[in-house]
Amino acid sequence: MFSFFKNKKPIVRDLKWLGVDIHSHLLPGIDDGSPDVDESISLITKLKELGIDRFICTPHIFKELYPNTAETINKALERTRAALVKANLDVKIAAAAEYMLDENFEMSDALMCLPDRHILVEMSYLNETPNIEQIIFNLQIKGYTVILAHPERYNFYHQDHDRFHRFHDMGVLLQLNLLSVTGYYGREVKTAAEYLLKNQLYRLAGTDLHHQKHYNALKYNVENGYLFDKLGKYPFENDRFLHLI
């Protein structure tokens, strides 16, 4: 007897397809992410259960709130690595930073980057950084490849999609927050993310995971198959970092 269920696609309930999580706040006690080592290990363990075993942690460098340096970030990374060994947790973890592009951003040749001088940057959610294109150009001149974190979350672009195309044309790599497509950050953010996906403007994706609430929302949308259905076949380029950490 013919069955309508024979061709039903299996539900993919993991994040293995992401490869490397290139944006997270899992290092302990240095920004608005994990408050301590125990929480870092707990979150990393849970993310590994969802299929992610390689992380590039990107704590904020934001002078007004989180004035991190390479020293503070690397110390937190080493504490986390030691705790992972103690917990016998088989993951690979590295560190870069998420730079706030504001009046306090300082250009240098020693910024904390993802591999191959990829620099993750962000702006305020309320206003575009003045001279943002000039800042990006200056970074590119110094040999950096700019990754713009979560463009879908910048309210000032929700009615100005041409800016997304402009950044793409400038060679900026646009990075999606996975939870944006679930409505976690609101309807307008989800709509912007869907526009960027439809127009193939994203190049990278990340969890941007800070805390247990983020994890709970992520887990729900992974285990019900929604995230794979929405994103699993999109040509994200996270694998460019797979063997570099």
Protein backbone atom coordinates (compact mmCIF):
# COMPACT_ATOMS: atom_id res chain seq x y z
CA MET A 1 0.00 0.00 0.00
CA PHE A 2 1.34 3.43 -0.95
CA SER A 3 2.24 5.58 2.04
CA PHE A 4 2.42 9.36 2.07
CA PHE A 5 5.03 9.10 4.81
CA LYS A 6 7.74 7.25 2.88
CA ASN A 7 9.30 10.38 1.44
CA LYS A 8 9.17 12.42 4.61
CA LYS A 9 12.57 13.99 5.28
CA PRO A 10 14.25 13.08 8.58
CA ILE A 11 14.48 15.89 11.09
CA VAL A 12 18.04 17.14 11.65
CA ARG A 13 18.34 17.86 15.36
CA ASP A 14 21.90 19.13 15.68
CA LEU A 15 24.25 21.96 14.68
CA LYS A 16 27.02 19.90 13.12
CA TRP A 17 26.33 21.67 9.84
CA LEU A 18 27.57 24.95 11.34
CA GLY A 19 31.14 23.68 11.68
CA VAL A 20 32.81 26.32 13.85
CA ASP A 21 30.96 28.73 16.11
CA ILE A 22 32.78 31.94 15.25
CA HIS A 23 30.90 34.29 17.60
CA SER A 24 30.19 33.60 21.26
CA HIS A 25 30.69 34.98 24.75
CA LEU A 26 31.74 31.83 26.57
CA LEU A 27 34.93 33.05 28.23
CA PRO A 28 34.39 33.63 31.95
CA GLY A 29 34.01 36.88 33.81
CA ILE A 30 35.15 39.46 31.25
CA ASP A 31 31.98 40.73 29.56
CA ASP A 32 28.22 40.18 29.59
CA GLY A 33 28.62 36.49 28.76
CA SER A 34 29.54 33.63 31.06
CA PRO A 35 30.17 34.92 34.61
CA ASP A 36 32.57 32.18 35.71
CA VAL A 37 34.48 29.09 34.61
CA ASP A 38 31.84 26.65 35.82
CA GLU A 39 29.19 28.31 33.69
CA SER A 40 31.56 28.37 30.70
CA ILE A 41 32.14 24.63 30.96
CA SER A 42 28.42 24.00 31.40
CA LEU A 43 27.51 25.99 28.29
CA ILE A 44 30.31 24.49 26.18
CA THR A 45 29.27 20.99 27.26
CA LYS A 46 25.68 21.66 26.25
CA LEU A 47 26.69 23.15 22.92
CA LYS A 48 28.83 20.08 22.24
CA GLU A 49 25.74 17.96 22.84
CA LEU A 50 24.09 19.97 20.06
CA GLY A 51 26.97 19.12 17.73
CA ILE A 52 29.42 22.03 18.03
CA ASP A 53 32.92 21.10 19.14
CA ARG A 54 34.97 24.04 17.82
CA PHE A 55 34.64 27.55 19.15
CA ILE A 56 36.21 30.93 18.53
CA CYS A 57 35.13 32.94 21.55
CA THR A 58 34.73 36.65 20.93
CA PRO A 59 34.38 38.72 24.12
CA HIS A 60 33.51 42.37 23.72
CA ILE A 61 36.17 45.02 23.52
CA PHE A 62 34.11 48.08 24.31
CA LYS A 63 35.99 50.70 26.29
CA GLU A 64 33.01 52.12 28.16
CA LEU A 65 31.70 48.78 29.43
CA TYR A 66 34.19 45.98 28.72
CA PRO A 67 37.70 47.41 28.33
CA ASN A 68 39.25 44.05 27.52
CA THR A 69 42.73 43.57 26.17
CA ALA A 70 44.64 40.66 24.68
CA GLU A 71 45.90 39.98 28.20
CA THR A 72 42.47 39.73 29.86
CA ILE A 73 41.07 37.65 27.00
CA ASN A 74 44.00 35.23 26.83
CA LYS A 75 43.96 34.72 30.61
CA ALA A 76 40.26 33.82 30.44
CA LEU A 77 40.96 31.51 27.50
CA GLU A 78 43.70 29.66 29.40
CA ARG A 79 41.47 29.26 32.47
CA THR A 80 38.79 27.80 30.26
CA ARG A 81 41.17 25.46 28.44
CA ALA A 82 42.50 24.16 31.76
CA ALA A 83 38.96 23.53 33.00
CA LEU A 84 38.07 21.73 29.75
CA VAL A 85 41.04 19.39 30.22
CA LYS A 86 39.99 18.75 33.80
CA ALA A 87 36.45 17.99 32.64
CA ASN A 88 37.82 15.69 29.91
CA LEU A 89 35.80 17.59 27.34
CA ASP A 90 37.06 17.06 23.79
CA VAL A 91 36.56 20.42 22.10
CA LYS A 92 38.82 22.98 20.48
CA ILE A 93 38.59 26.55 21.65
CA ALA A 94 40.30 29.74 20.57
CA ALA A 95 39.75 33.43 21.19
CA ALA A 96 39.40 36.65 19.26
CA ALA A 97 37.29 39.70 20.11
CA GLU A 98 34.17 41.56 19.07
CA TYR A 99 35.15 45.21 18.64
CA MET A 100 32.68 48.03 19.16
CA LEU A 101 33.25 50.55 16.38
CA ASP A 102 32.73 53.79 18.24
CA GLU A 103 34.78 56.90 18.94
CA ASN A 104 37.02 54.88 21.27
CA PHE A 105 37.96 52.23 18.72
CA GLU A 106 41.72 52.30 18.18
CA MET A 107 43.19 51.08 14.91
CA SER A 108 46.36 49.04 15.29
CA ASP A 109 48.32 46.21 13.72
CA ALA A 110 47.71 43.96 16.73
CA LEU A 111 43.94 43.59 16.97
CA MET A 112 42.57 40.29 18.32
CA CYS A 113 41.30 38.54 15.23
CA LEU A 114 39.86 35.30 14.01
CA PRO A 115 42.35 33.35 11.87
CA ASP A 116 43.86 35.02 8.80
CA ARG A 117 43.23 38.55 10.15
CA HIS A 118 39.44 38.36 10.12
CA ILE A 119 38.19 40.99 12.55
CA LEU A 120 34.71 40.81 14.09
CA VAL A 121 33.11 44.22 14.62
CA GLU A 122 29.79 45.60 15.81
CA MET A 123 27.95 48.90 16.15
CA SER A 124 25.37 50.31 18.52
CA TYR A 125 21.91 48.92 17.81
CA LEU A 126 20.49 52.45 17.75
CA ASN A 127 22.75 54.49 15.47
CA GLU A 128 25.14 53.78 12.63
CA THR A 129 28.75 54.49 13.50
CA PRO A 130 29.82 57.79 11.87
CA ASN A 131 32.25 57.22 9.00
CA ILE A 132 31.68 53.46 9.18
CA GLU A 133 32.74 52.97 5.56
CA GLN A 134 35.99 54.85 6.16
CA ILE A 135 36.74 52.74 9.24
CA ILE A 136 36.13 49.55 7.26
CA PHE A 137 38.32 50.81 4.43
CA ASN A 138 41.12 51.68 6.87
CA LEU A 139 40.96 48.17 8.35
CA GLN A 140 41.05 46.63 4.90
CA ILE A 141 44.08 48.74 3.95
CA LYS A 142 45.88 47.26 6.97
CA GLY A 143 45.11 43.76 5.70
CA TYR A 144 42.10 42.91 7.84
CA THR A 145 38.98 41.19 6.53
CA VAL A 146 36.02 42.77 8.28
CA ILE A 147 33.19 40.63 9.67
CA LEU A 148 30.12 42.65 10.63
CA ALA A 149 28.31 40.94 13.48
CA HIS A 150 24.52 40.47 13.29
CA PRO A 151 23.63 43.16 10.71
CA GLU A 152 20.00 42.09 11.00
CA ARG A 153 19.89 43.49 14.55
CA TYR A 154 20.73 47.09 13.66
CA ASN A 155 17.41 48.90 13.83
CA PHE A 156 18.55 51.70 11.51
CA TYR A 157 18.97 49.25 8.62
CA HIS A 158 15.50 47.70 8.83
CA GLN A 159 14.19 50.28 6.38
CA ASP A 160 17.45 50.70 4.48
CA HIS A 161 18.41 47.36 2.96
CA ASP A 162 20.71 49.09 0.47
CA ARG A 163 23.26 49.34 3.28
CA PHE A 164 23.46 45.55 3.47
CA HIS A 165 24.27 45.41 -0.22
CA ARG A 166 26.81 48.19 0.13
CA PHE A 167 28.71 46.34 2.86
CA HIS A 168 28.60 43.14 0.83
CA ASP A 169 29.99 44.98 -2.21
CA MET A 170 32.78 46.42 -0.04
CA GLY A 171 33.93 42.91 0.84
CA VAL A 172 32.54 42.90 4.38
CA LEU A 173 31.51 39.43 5.56
CA LEU A 174 28.06 39.61 7.11
CA GLN A 175 27.45 37.27 10.06
CA LEU A 176 24.03 35.97 11.08
CA ASN A 177 23.00 35.30 14.67
CA LEU A 178 21.27 31.92 14.54
CA LEU A 179 18.51 32.99 16.92
CA SER A 180 17.59 35.95 14.70
CA VAL A 181 15.65 33.68 12.34
CA THR A 182 13.57 32.28 15.20
CA GLY A 183 12.07 35.61 16.24
CA TYR A 184 14.05 35.64 19.49
CA TYR A 185 15.09 39.28 18.97
CA GLY A 186 11.74 40.36 17.54
CA ARG A 187 9.81 40.36 14.30
CA GLU A 188 11.74 43.15 12.57
CA VAL A 189 15.07 41.42 13.19
CA LYS A 190 13.66 38.17 11.84
CA THR A 191 12.36 39.96 8.74
CA ALA A 192 15.75 41.58 8.13
CA ALA A 193 17.49 38.22 8.53
CA GLU A 194 15.13 36.63 6.03
CA TYR A 195 15.91 39.41 3.53
CA LEU A 196 19.65 38.86 3.93
CA LEU A 197 19.23 35.12 3.52
CA LYS A 198 17.01 35.45 0.46
CA ASN A 199 19.56 37.73 -1.19
CA GLN A 200 22.52 35.50 -0.27
CA LEU A 201 24.24 38.34 1.59
CA TYR A 202 25.38 36.38 4.63
CA ARG A 203 28.75 34.67 4.59
CA LEU A 204 29.04 33.46 8.20
CA ALA A 205 26.85 32.47 11.14
CA GLY A 206 27.33 32.19 14.88
CA THR A 207 25.42 31.54 18.06
CA ASP A 208 26.42 34.81 19.78
CA LEU A 209 25.64 32.78 22.88
CA HIS A 210 25.90 34.64 26.19
CA HIS A 211 23.89 32.68 28.74
CA GLN A 212 21.49 29.89 29.57
CA LYS A 213 18.47 31.70 28.14
CA HIS A 214 20.19 31.87 24.74
CA TYR A 215 21.06 28.20 25.01
CA ASN A 216 17.49 27.19 25.88
CA ALA A 217 16.12 29.01 22.83
CA LEU A 218 18.85 27.55 20.63
CA LYS A 219 18.27 24.01 21.90
CA TYR A 220 14.54 24.24 21.30
CA ASN A 221 14.96 25.40 17.70
CA VAL A 222 17.69 22.85 16.99
CA GLU A 223 15.89 19.84 18.41
CA ASN A 224 12.60 20.55 16.65
CA GLY A 225 14.49 20.76 13.33
CA TYR A 226 13.62 24.40 12.66
CA LEU A 227 17.16 25.77 12.42
CA PHE A 228 18.34 23.10 10.01
CA ASP A 229 15.24 23.53 7.86
CA LYS A 230 15.80 27.28 7.80
CA LEU A 231 19.60 27.43 7.55
CA GLY A 232 21.15 23.99 7.17
CA LYS A 233 21.57 24.18 3.40
CA TYR A 234 22.68 27.81 3.25
CA PRO A 235 26.29 28.15 2.01
CA PHE A 236 27.81 29.62 5.16
CA GLU A 237 31.59 29.77 5.07
CA ASN A 238 32.37 28.90 8.69
CA ASP A 239 34.41 25.96 7.47
CA ARG A 240 37.12 28.39 6.33
CA PHE A 241 38.17 28.41 10.02
CA LEU A 242 37.63 24.70 10.69
CA HIS A 243 41.28 23.62 10.58
CA LEU A 244 42.75 26.88 11.86
CA ILE A 245 41.93 26.60 15.56
